[in-house]
Amino acid sequence: MDGYDAAFVLQKAFEAAGSTDNLALQQAISAVEYTGVGGFISFDETGQAVRSLVIVKLTSKDGKGFEIVKEVEPGEY
C-alpha cells in the first residue's frame, strides 16, 4: 500500500515540477497533497510525510481476514 501511494505522490511531483531537476522536484513534492489507498498524504515544513495510519489485526490464520482496530490521525502519533 505504501509503495503504491508513494509512486502516485512521485508522479504528482514530476507533473508539478515539469522537470527532473532535483531542486524543482524537492519543491514540488513538498506541495503534494494526495488521497491514496492509505488515506490523505501531505508534507510538513521539514519534508516529513503527514498521513493517517490504520492499525489492523488478522482475524484468520490464512491471512485473508482482517479487522480495523484503530485509525490514527496525524498529530495522534
N, C-alpha and C. Protein backbone atom coordinates (compact mmCIF):
# COMPACT_ATOMS: atom_id res chain seq x y z
N MET A 1 0.83 -1.19 0.00
CA MET A 1 0.00 0.00 0.00
C MET A 1 0.88 1.26 0.00
N ASP A 2 1.89 1.31 0.85
CA ASP A 2 2.74 2.49 0.91
C ASP A 2 3.48 2.73 -0.40
N GLY A 3 3.96 1.65 -1.01
CA GLY A 3 4.68 1.78 -2.28
C GLY A 3 3.77 2.30 -3.39
N TYR A 4 2.54 1.83 -3.40
CA TYR A 4 1.55 2.27 -4.40
C TYR A 4 1.31 3.77 -4.25
N ASP A 5 1.06 4.21 -3.01
CA ASP A 5 0.81 5.63 -2.77
C ASP A 5 2.06 6.46 -3.08
N ALA A 6 3.24 5.95 -2.72
CA ALA A 6 4.49 6.67 -2.98
C ALA A 6 4.69 6.91 -4.47
N ALA A 7 4.36 5.92 -5.29
CA ALA A 7 4.50 6.07 -6.74
C ALA A 7 3.61 7.19 -7.27
N PHE A 8 2.40 7.30 -6.76
CA PHE A 8 1.50 8.35 -7.22
C PHE A 8 1.89 9.72 -6.68
N VAL A 9 2.44 9.77 -5.46
CA VAL A 9 2.95 11.04 -4.93
C VAL A 9 4.10 11.53 -5.82
N LEU A 10 5.00 10.62 -6.19
CA LEU A 10 6.10 11.00 -7.08
C LEU A 10 5.60 11.43 -8.45
N GLN A 11 4.59 10.76 -8.97
CA GLN A 11 4.03 11.15 -10.26
C GLN A 11 3.51 12.58 -10.20
N LYS A 12 2.78 12.91 -9.13
CA LYS A 12 2.24 14.26 -8.98
C LYS A 12 3.37 15.28 -8.88
N ALA A 13 4.46 14.92 -8.18
CA ALA A 13 5.60 15.82 -8.05
C ALA A 13 6.27 16.05 -9.40
N PHE A 14 6.48 14.99 -10.17
CA PHE A 14 7.08 15.13 -11.51
C PHE A 14 6.21 16.01 -12.40
N GLU A 15 4.91 15.81 -12.36
CA GLU A 15 4.00 16.62 -13.18
C GLU A 15 4.05 18.09 -12.76
N ALA A 16 4.07 18.35 -11.46
CA ALA A 16 4.10 19.73 -10.97
C ALA A 16 5.43 20.40 -11.27
N ALA A 17 6.53 19.65 -11.14
CA ALA A 17 7.86 20.23 -11.37
C ALA A 17 8.09 20.48 -12.86
N GLY A 18 7.54 19.64 -13.69
CA GLY A 18 7.76 19.77 -15.12
C GLY A 18 9.22 19.56 -15.51
N SER A 19 9.96 18.90 -14.63
CA SER A 19 11.39 18.75 -14.82
C SER A 19 11.89 17.61 -13.94
N THR A 20 13.12 17.15 -14.22
CA THR A 20 13.75 16.17 -13.34
C THR A 20 14.84 16.83 -12.49
N ASP A 21 14.88 18.13 -12.50
CA ASP A 21 15.84 18.87 -11.68
C ASP A 21 15.57 18.60 -10.20
N ASN A 22 16.64 18.29 -9.44
CA ASN A 22 16.49 17.93 -8.03
C ASN A 22 15.77 18.99 -7.22
N LEU A 23 16.15 20.24 -7.34
CA LEU A 23 15.53 21.31 -6.56
C LEU A 23 14.06 21.49 -6.94
N ALA A 24 13.76 21.41 -8.22
CA ALA A 24 12.38 21.55 -8.67
C ALA A 24 11.51 20.42 -8.11
N LEU A 25 12.05 19.19 -8.12
CA LEU A 25 11.31 18.05 -7.57
C LEU A 25 11.13 18.17 -6.06
N GLN A 26 12.16 18.63 -5.38
CA GLN A 26 12.08 18.80 -3.93
C GLN A 26 10.98 19.80 -3.57
N GLN A 27 10.93 20.90 -4.28
CA GLN A 27 9.90 21.90 -4.02
C GLN A 27 8.51 21.38 -4.39
N ALA A 28 8.42 20.64 -5.47
CA ALA A 28 7.13 20.11 -5.93
C ALA A 28 6.58 19.07 -4.97
N ILE A 29 7.44 18.18 -4.49
CA ILE A 29 6.93 17.12 -3.60
C ILE A 29 6.47 17.69 -2.27
N SER A 30 7.09 18.78 -1.83
CA SER A 30 6.66 19.36 -0.55
C SER A 30 5.26 19.97 -0.64
N ALA A 31 4.80 20.25 -1.84
CA ALA A 31 3.47 20.84 -2.03
C ALA A 31 2.40 19.80 -2.38
N VAL A 32 2.80 18.54 -2.54
CA VAL A 32 1.85 17.50 -2.94
C VAL A 32 0.85 17.22 -1.81
N GLU A 33 -0.39 17.11 -2.19
CA GLU A 33 -1.46 16.61 -1.32
C GLU A 33 -2.17 15.54 -2.12
N TYR A 34 -2.28 14.35 -1.54
CA TYR A 34 -2.77 13.21 -2.30
C TYR A 34 -3.61 12.30 -1.40
N THR A 35 -4.75 11.87 -1.88
CA THR A 35 -5.54 10.88 -1.17
C THR A 35 -5.37 9.56 -1.89
N GLY A 36 -4.72 8.62 -1.22
CA GLY A 36 -4.41 7.34 -1.82
C GLY A 36 -5.07 6.20 -1.08
N VAL A 37 -4.56 5.02 -1.32
CA VAL A 37 -5.09 3.81 -0.69
C VAL A 37 -4.96 3.90 0.82
N GLY A 38 -3.86 4.47 1.30
CA GLY A 38 -3.62 4.58 2.73
C GLY A 38 -4.17 5.83 3.36
N GLY A 39 -4.94 6.62 2.64
CA GLY A 39 -5.52 7.85 3.19
C GLY A 39 -4.87 9.09 2.62
N PHE A 40 -5.10 10.20 3.29
CA PHE A 40 -4.61 11.51 2.84
C PHE A 40 -3.14 11.67 3.21
N ILE A 41 -2.33 12.16 2.26
CA ILE A 41 -0.90 12.36 2.46
C ILE A 41 -0.56 13.80 2.09
N SER A 42 0.17 14.47 2.98
CA SER A 42 0.75 15.78 2.69
C SER A 42 2.12 15.80 3.35
N PHE A 43 2.82 16.92 3.25
CA PHE A 43 4.17 17.01 3.80
C PHE A 43 4.29 18.26 4.67
N ASP A 44 5.00 18.12 5.81
CA ASP A 44 5.18 19.27 6.70
C ASP A 44 6.37 20.12 6.26
N GLU A 45 6.68 21.15 7.03
CA GLU A 45 7.74 22.09 6.66
C GLU A 45 9.13 21.45 6.64
N THR A 46 9.30 20.30 7.28
CA THR A 46 10.60 19.61 7.26
C THR A 46 10.68 18.56 6.15
N GLY A 47 9.58 18.39 5.41
CA GLY A 47 9.54 17.40 4.34
C GLY A 47 9.05 16.04 4.78
N GLN A 48 8.65 15.93 6.05
CA GLN A 48 8.15 14.67 6.58
C GLN A 48 6.70 14.45 6.13
N ALA A 49 6.41 13.24 5.71
CA ALA A 49 5.04 12.91 5.30
C ALA A 49 4.11 12.98 6.51
N VAL A 50 2.94 13.57 6.30
CA VAL A 50 1.90 13.65 7.32
C VAL A 50 0.72 12.87 6.77
N ARG A 51 0.34 11.82 7.50
CA ARG A 51 -0.74 10.97 6.99
C ARG A 51 -1.41 10.22 8.11
N SER A 52 -2.59 9.75 7.83
CA SER A 52 -3.28 8.91 8.81
C SER A 52 -2.74 7.49 8.71
N LEU A 53 -2.87 6.76 9.79
CA LEU A 53 -2.43 5.37 9.83
C LEU A 53 -3.61 4.49 10.21
N VAL A 54 -3.58 3.26 9.77
CA VAL A 54 -4.63 2.30 10.13
C VAL A 54 -3.94 1.10 10.76
N ILE A 55 -4.41 0.73 11.96
CA ILE A 55 -3.89 -0.45 12.65
C ILE A 55 -4.89 -1.58 12.41
N VAL A 56 -4.40 -2.69 11.87
CA VAL A 56 -5.27 -3.82 11.57
C VAL A 56 -4.82 -5.07 12.33
N LYS A 57 -5.75 -5.98 12.51
CA LYS A 57 -5.47 -7.25 13.18
C LYS A 57 -5.96 -8.37 12.27
N LEU A 58 -5.09 -9.35 12.03
CA LEU A 58 -5.52 -10.51 11.24
C LEU A 58 -6.53 -11.30 12.05
N THR A 59 -7.58 -11.75 11.38
CA THR A 59 -8.64 -12.48 12.08
C THR A 59 -8.71 -13.95 11.66
N SER A 60 -7.86 -14.35 10.74
CA SER A 60 -7.85 -15.76 10.33
C SER A 60 -6.41 -16.20 10.11
N LYS A 61 -6.15 -17.46 10.29
CA LYS A 61 -4.78 -17.98 10.16
C LYS A 61 -4.28 -17.96 8.72
N ASP A 62 -5.18 -17.96 7.76
CA ASP A 62 -4.74 -17.94 6.37
C ASP A 62 -4.38 -16.54 5.89
N GLY A 63 -4.59 -15.52 6.74
CA GLY A 63 -4.20 -14.16 6.41
C GLY A 63 -5.17 -13.43 5.51
N LYS A 64 -6.32 -14.02 5.24
CA LYS A 64 -7.26 -13.40 4.31
C LYS A 64 -8.30 -12.51 5.00
N GLY A 65 -8.42 -12.64 6.31
CA GLY A 65 -9.39 -11.81 7.02
C GLY A 65 -8.67 -10.84 7.95
N PHE A 66 -9.22 -9.65 8.07
CA PHE A 66 -8.63 -8.68 8.98
C PHE A 66 -9.71 -7.78 9.54
N GLU A 67 -9.37 -7.13 10.63
CA GLU A 67 -10.27 -6.20 11.31
C GLU A 67 -9.53 -4.89 11.55
N ILE A 68 -10.16 -3.78 11.24
CA ILE A 68 -9.55 -2.48 11.53
C ILE A 68 -9.69 -2.23 13.02
N VAL A 69 -8.56 -2.08 13.69
CA VAL A 69 -8.55 -1.87 15.14
C VAL A 69 -8.70 -0.39 15.46
N LYS A 70 -7.96 0.45 14.74
CA LYS A 70 -7.97 1.88 15.03
C LYS A 70 -7.44 2.66 13.84
N GLU A 71 -8.02 3.81 13.60
CA GLU A 71 -7.49 4.75 12.64
C GLU A 71 -6.83 5.87 13.43
N VAL A 72 -5.56 6.14 13.15
CA VAL A 72 -4.80 7.14 13.88
C VAL A 72 -4.56 8.34 12.94
N GLU A 73 -5.04 9.48 13.36
CA GLU A 73 -4.90 10.69 12.54
C GLU A 73 -3.58 11.39 12.84
N PRO A 74 -3.07 12.19 11.89
CA PRO A 74 -1.85 12.94 12.14
C PRO A 74 -1.99 13.75 13.44
N GLY A 75 -0.91 13.79 14.19
CA GLY A 75 -0.92 14.50 15.46
C GLY A 75 -1.22 13.60 16.63
N GLU A 76 -1.78 12.40 16.36
CA GLU A 76 -2.06 11.45 17.42
C GLU A 76 -0.90 10.51 17.66
N TYR A 77 0.09 10.51 16.79
CA TYR A 77 1.24 9.62 16.95
C TYR A 77 2.50 10.40 17.12
